[in-house]
């Protein structure tokens, strides 16, 4: 999925969606990379709300 997101120019972020004890991947296992987080913040700076 990371390669697909990269090829499409999308951000790869972590996930906090977790329901129950029957998961093979623990809560907080996948977090957002610091560089991706900072890039998101940089791009969001000065963003304008669009009424729709």
C-alpha atoms as a PDB file:
ATOM      1  CA  UNK A   1       0.000   0.000   0.000  1.00  0.00           C
ATOM      2  CA  UNK A   2       2.888   2.358   0.749  1.00  0.00           C
ATOM      3  CA  UNK A   3       4.279   1.895  -2.767  1.00  0.00           C
ATOM      4  CA  UNK A   4       0.853   2.506  -4.312  1.00  0.00           C
ATOM      5  CA  UNK A   5       0.375   5.674  -2.259  1.00  0.00           C
ATOM      6  CA  UNK A   6       3.819   6.886  -3.263  1.00  0.00           C
ATOM      7  CA  UNK A   7       3.152   6.188  -6.942  1.00  0.00           C
ATOM      8  CA  UNK A   8      -0.090   8.167  -6.709  1.00  0.00           C
ATOM      9  CA  UNK A   9       1.542  11.070  -4.859  1.00  0.00           C
ATOM     10  CA  UNK A  10      -0.483  10.424  -1.703  1.00  0.00           C
ATOM     11  CA  UNK A  11       0.592  10.787   1.907  1.00  0.00           C
ATOM     12  CA  UNK A  12       1.147   7.689   3.977  1.00  0.00           C
ATOM     13  CA  UNK A  13      -0.226   8.182   7.465  1.00  0.00           C
ATOM     14  CA  UNK A  14      -0.612   5.992  10.513  1.00  0.00           C
ATOM     15  CA  UNK A  15      -3.840   4.514  11.707  1.00  0.00           C
ATOM     16  CA  UNK A  16      -5.509   4.393  15.082  1.00  0.00           C
ATOM     17  CA  UNK A  17      -8.522   2.336  14.011  1.00  0.00           C
ATOM     18  CA  UNK A  18      -8.581  -0.600  16.383  1.00  0.00           C
ATOM     19  CA  UNK A  19     -11.491  -2.619  17.682  1.00  0.00           C
ATOM     20  CA  UNK A  20     -11.070  -5.536  20.065  1.00  0.00           C
ATOM     21  CA  UNK A  21      -8.391  -7.929  21.229  1.00  0.00           C
ATOM     22  CA  UNK A  22      -8.584 -10.287  18.266  1.00  0.00           C
ATOM     23  CA  UNK A  23      -6.161  -8.343  16.042  1.00  0.00           C
ATOM     24  CA  UNK A  24      -2.724  -9.521  14.987  1.00  0.00           C
ATOM     25  CA  UNK A  25      -1.460  -5.908  14.854  1.00  0.00           C
ATOM     26  CA  UNK A  26      -1.515  -3.936  18.095  1.00  0.00           C
ATOM     27  CA  UNK A  27      -2.892  -0.481  18.706  1.00  0.00           C
ATOM     28  CA  UNK A  28      -0.358   2.192  17.756  1.00  0.00           C
ATOM     29  CA  UNK A  29       1.734  -0.207  15.678  1.00  0.00           C
ATOM     30  CA  UNK A  30       1.623   2.023  12.579  1.00  0.00           C
ATOM     31  CA  UNK A  31       2.207   5.717  13.160  1.00  0.00           C
ATOM     32  CA  UNK A  32       2.638   8.658  10.812  1.00  0.00           C
ATOM     33  CA  UNK A  33       6.240   9.284   9.844  1.00  0.00           C
ATOM     34  CA  UNK A  34       7.496  12.600  11.225  1.00  0.00           C
ATOM     35  CA  UNK A  35       8.539  13.857   7.764  1.00  0.00           C
ATOM     36  CA  UNK A  36       5.065  13.108   6.372  1.00  0.00           C
ATOM     37  CA  UNK A  37       3.458  14.883   9.324  1.00  0.00           C
ATOM     38  CA  UNK A  38       5.619  17.977   8.847  1.00  0.00           C
ATOM     39  CA  UNK A  39       4.921  17.952   5.092  1.00  0.00           C
ATOM     40  CA  UNK A  40       1.170  17.836   5.808  1.00  0.00           C
ATOM     41  CA  UNK A  41       1.505  20.795   8.158  1.00  0.00           C
ATOM     42  CA  UNK A  42       3.523  22.759   5.600  1.00  0.00           C
ATOM     43  CA  UNK A  43       0.931  22.135   2.893  1.00  0.00           C
ATOM     44  CA  UNK A  44      -1.979  22.990   5.196  1.00  0.00           C
ATOM     45  CA  UNK A  45      -0.508  26.346   6.227  1.00  0.00           C
ATOM     46  CA  UNK A  46      -2.491  29.123   4.612  1.00  0.00           C
ATOM     47  CA  UNK A  47      -5.190  26.798   3.310  1.00  0.00           C
ATOM     48  CA  UNK A  48      -8.544  28.417   2.677  1.00  0.00           C
ATOM     49  CA  UNK A  49     -11.950  26.969   3.475  1.00  0.00           C
ATOM     50  CA  UNK A  50     -14.033  26.393   0.364  1.00  0.00           C
ATOM     51  CA  UNK A  51     -17.794  26.757   0.750  1.00  0.00           C
ATOM     52  CA  UNK A  52     -19.640  24.046  -1.042  1.00  0.00           C
END
